[in-house]
Structure formats: structure tokens, C-alpha cells
């Protein structure tokens, strides 16, 4: 799951050095993802993992790093 999320981020957004991107690094603070990018990530999560992301769930606590995205997916899949 984490590998799929990481691959999506590094393939679809500009990441200067994908190997150096830490799983807990803020995607927003690093300028990797903006508000439109967050919506792209949500669309990916819904399509790839088969669940609906509610508007209230689109918060930094859920979508601001690879680790947070992975934890969010795990929580939604339960």
C-alpha cells in the first residue's frame, strides 16, 4: 500500500530526488503538492483502493505525507 502511494506521488508530482523523500515529509510544506494536487491524490485513493473520501476527511492530518496517506488508507479499508 505504501509503495503504491509513494509511486503515485513521485510519478505524478515533481519530486527532485524521489529516493530522498521521507515518508513523513510534508508534501504541502515541501511544495510537492498544492490544493489541486490534493484532489488528484484523493481521486487516486478512491480509484486504487475502492473507498469514498468525504470532504471532511480532506485535511492535512490525512493527506500531508506518504505516512499519513498510508495510515488513512489503512483506516478506511477496515
Protein backbone atom coordinates (compact mmCIF):
# COMPACT_ATOMS: atom_id res chain seq x y z
CA UNK A 1 0.00 0.00 0.00
CA UNK A 2 2.73 2.48 0.97
CA UNK A 3 4.65 1.60 -2.18
CA UNK A 4 1.63 2.40 -4.37
CA UNK A 5 1.12 5.75 -2.64
CA UNK A 6 4.83 6.62 -2.95
CA UNK A 7 4.90 5.63 -6.61
CA UNK A 8 1.84 7.77 -7.37
CA UNK A 9 3.36 10.81 -5.64
CA UNK A 10 6.78 10.50 -7.28
CA UNK A 11 5.32 9.76 -10.72
CA UNK A 12 2.60 12.42 -10.82
CA UNK A 13 4.23 15.31 -8.96
CA UNK A 14 7.64 16.91 -9.28
CA UNK A 15 9.93 15.34 -6.70
CA UNK A 16 13.55 16.40 -7.28
CA UNK A 17 15.01 13.30 -5.62
CA UNK A 18 12.39 10.58 -5.02
CA UNK A 19 14.86 8.46 -3.04
CA UNK A 20 15.40 11.34 -0.59
CA UNK A 21 11.68 11.93 0.00
CA UNK A 22 10.99 10.78 3.54
CA UNK A 23 7.68 9.10 4.23
CA UNK A 24 6.85 11.61 6.97
CA UNK A 25 7.86 14.73 4.99
CA UNK A 26 5.08 17.27 4.48
CA UNK A 27 4.07 17.22 0.82
CA UNK A 28 2.42 20.64 1.20
CA UNK A 29 5.31 22.36 3.01
CA UNK A 30 7.81 20.93 0.51
CA UNK A 31 5.78 22.39 -2.36
CA UNK A 32 5.31 18.96 -3.93
CA UNK A 33 1.52 19.08 -3.71
CA UNK A 34 -0.86 22.04 -3.80
CA UNK A 35 -4.64 22.12 -3.31
CA UNK A 36 -5.27 20.79 -6.81
CA UNK A 37 -2.73 18.04 -6.17
CA UNK A 38 -4.58 17.03 -3.02
CA UNK A 39 -7.69 16.47 -5.14
CA UNK A 40 -5.64 14.34 -7.56
CA UNK A 41 -4.41 12.26 -4.63
CA UNK A 42 -7.98 11.82 -3.36
CA UNK A 43 -9.09 10.66 -6.81
CA UNK A 44 -6.19 8.19 -6.90
CA UNK A 45 -7.02 6.81 -3.44
CA UNK A 46 -10.68 6.33 -4.33
CA UNK A 47 -9.87 4.58 -7.60
CA UNK A 48 -6.94 2.49 -6.40
CA UNK A 49 -8.26 1.41 -3.02
CA UNK A 50 -12.03 1.43 -3.65
CA UNK A 51 -13.41 3.76 -0.99
CA UNK A 52 -15.00 7.22 -0.88
CA UNK A 53 -13.12 10.09 0.71
CA UNK A 54 -15.53 12.50 2.37
CA UNK A 55 -14.88 16.25 2.10
CA UNK A 56 -14.38 16.47 5.89
CA UNK A 57 -11.57 13.89 5.61
CA UNK A 58 -9.51 16.02 3.21
CA UNK A 59 -7.33 17.55 5.91
CA UNK A 60 -3.55 17.67 6.36
CA UNK A 61 -3.75 15.07 9.12
CA UNK A 62 -4.84 12.56 6.45
CA UNK A 63 -3.14 13.68 3.25
CA UNK A 64 0.04 15.65 4.02
CA UNK A 65 2.67 12.90 3.81
CA UNK A 66 3.15 9.42 2.46
CA UNK A 67 2.92 8.05 6.00
CA UNK A 68 -0.31 9.92 6.72
CA UNK A 69 -1.82 8.84 3.41
CA UNK A 70 -0.91 5.22 4.11
CA UNK A 71 -2.41 5.37 7.61
CA UNK A 72 -5.55 6.99 6.21
CA UNK A 73 -5.96 4.25 3.61
CA UNK A 74 -5.47 1.56 6.26
CA UNK A 75 -8.12 3.20 8.46
CA UNK A 76 -10.60 3.49 5.58
CA UNK A 77 -10.07 -0.11 4.48
CA UNK A 78 -11.06 -1.53 7.90
